[in-house]
Amino acid sequence: MIYKPVVGNPDSGIAPGTAFAAIPDNWECPICGATKKTFIPYQEIVLAYNWLRALCKS
């Protein structure tokens, strides 16, 4: 599941429009129970993937 700030996570008490950085540090994923600190922003994953793809083509 990808957190979408525009949607929030009402089931967890996170209002729509809440940036991921603004979610309390003690928040846990309602699906898997993972803590906030274990998540990596999606954009960072995409940038790392693109960097690795470019590196492998070299």
C-alpha atoms as a PDB file:
ATOM      1  CA  MET A   1       0.000   0.000   0.000  1.00  0.00           C
ATOM      2  CA  ILE A   2       1.220   3.492  -0.793  1.00  0.00           C
ATOM      3  CA  TYR A   3       0.303   6.373   1.513  1.00  0.00           C
ATOM      4  CA  LYS A   4      -1.403   9.155  -0.416  1.00  0.00           C
ATOM      5  CA  PRO A   5      -1.445  12.449   1.504  1.00  0.00           C
ATOM      6  CA  VAL A   6      -4.486  13.696  -0.384  1.00  0.00           C
ATOM      7  CA  VAL A   7      -6.458  10.685   0.916  1.00  0.00           C
ATOM      8  CA  GLY A   8      -4.795  10.308   4.318  1.00  0.00           C
ATOM      9  CA  ASN A   9      -5.705   7.230   6.350  1.00  0.00           C
ATOM     10  CA  PRO A  10      -9.003   7.935   8.105  1.00  0.00           C
ATOM     11  CA  ASP A  11      -9.117   4.396   9.577  1.00  0.00           C
ATOM     12  CA  SER A  12      -5.952   5.282  11.515  1.00  0.00           C
ATOM     13  CA  GLY A  13      -7.054   8.792  12.417  1.00  0.00           C
ATOM     14  CA  ILE A  14      -4.886  10.440   9.727  1.00  0.00           C
ATOM     15  CA  ALA A  15      -6.928  13.169   8.024  1.00  0.00           C
ATOM     16  CA  PRO A  16      -6.854  13.753   4.258  1.00  0.00           C
ATOM     17  CA  GLY A  17      -4.194  16.309   3.344  1.00  0.00           C
ATOM     18  CA  THR A  18      -1.755  15.117   6.028  1.00  0.00           C
ATOM     19  CA  ALA A  19       1.836  14.936   4.764  1.00  0.00           C
ATOM     20  CA  PHE A  20       3.685  11.746   5.707  1.00  0.00           C
ATOM     21  CA  ALA A  21       6.211  13.820   7.669  1.00  0.00           C
ATOM     22  CA  ALA A  22       3.333  15.130   9.816  1.00  0.00           C
ATOM     23  CA  ILE A  23       2.131  11.658  10.843  1.00  0.00           C
ATOM     24  CA  PRO A  24       3.019  10.981  14.495  1.00  0.00           C
ATOM     25  CA  ASP A  25       6.241   8.991  14.998  1.00  0.00           C
ATOM     26  CA  ASN A  26       4.345   6.357  16.997  1.00  0.00           C
ATOM     27  CA  TRP A  27       1.990   5.613  14.067  1.00  0.00           C
ATOM     28  CA  GLU A  28       1.747   1.987  12.951  1.00  0.00           C
ATOM     29  CA  CYS A  29       0.489   0.644   9.633  1.00  0.00           C
ATOM     30  CA  PRO A  30      -3.059  -0.652  10.146  1.00  0.00           C
ATOM     31  CA  ILE A  31      -2.392  -3.512   7.732  1.00  0.00           C
ATOM     32  CA  CYS A  32       1.002  -4.903   8.771  1.00  0.00           C
ATOM     33  CA  GLY A  33       1.790  -3.135  12.059  1.00  0.00           C
ATOM     34  CA  ALA A  34       5.064  -1.661  10.758  1.00  0.00           C
ATOM     35  CA  THR A  35       6.137   1.582  12.405  1.00  0.00           C
ATOM     36  CA  LYS A  36       6.538   4.872  10.558  1.00  0.00           C
ATOM     37  CA  LYS A  37      10.352   4.738  10.755  1.00  0.00           C
ATOM     38  CA  THR A  38      10.422   1.523   8.676  1.00  0.00           C
ATOM     39  CA  PHE A  39       8.818   3.214   5.675  1.00  0.00           C
ATOM     40  CA  ILE A  40      10.759   4.830   2.825  1.00  0.00           C
ATOM     41  CA  PRO A  41       9.139   7.613   0.794  1.00  0.00           C
ATOM     42  CA  TYR A  42       8.025   6.285  -2.601  1.00  0.00           C
ATOM     43  CA  GLN A  43       9.931   9.003  -4.463  1.00  0.00           C
ATOM     44  CA  GLU A  44      13.228   7.839  -2.910  1.00  0.00           C
ATOM     45  CA  ILE A  45      12.580   4.274  -4.092  1.00  0.00           C
ATOM     46  CA  VAL A  46      11.876   5.443  -7.651  1.00  0.00           C
ATOM     47  CA  LEU A  47      15.030   7.599  -7.713  1.00  0.00           C
ATOM     48  CA  ALA A  48      17.164   4.697  -6.430  1.00  0.00           C
ATOM     49  CA  TYR A  49      15.655   2.333  -8.994  1.00  0.00           C
ATOM     50  CA  ASN A  50      16.326   4.751 -11.852  1.00  0.00           C
ATOM     51  CA  TRP A  51      19.894   5.303 -10.624  1.00  0.00           C
ATOM     52  CA  LEU A  52      20.546   1.562 -10.528  1.00  0.00           C
ATOM     53  CA  ARG A  53      19.040   1.070 -13.985  1.00  0.00           C
ATOM     54  CA  ALA A  54      21.289   3.808 -15.391  1.00  0.00           C
ATOM     55  CA  LEU A  55      24.309   2.325 -13.637  1.00  0.00           C
ATOM     56  CA  CYS A  56      23.658  -1.144 -15.079  1.00  0.00           C
ATOM     57  CA  LYS A  57      23.403   0.265 -18.604  1.00  0.00           C
ATOM     58  CA  SER A  58      26.860   1.844 -18.299  1.00  0.00           C
END
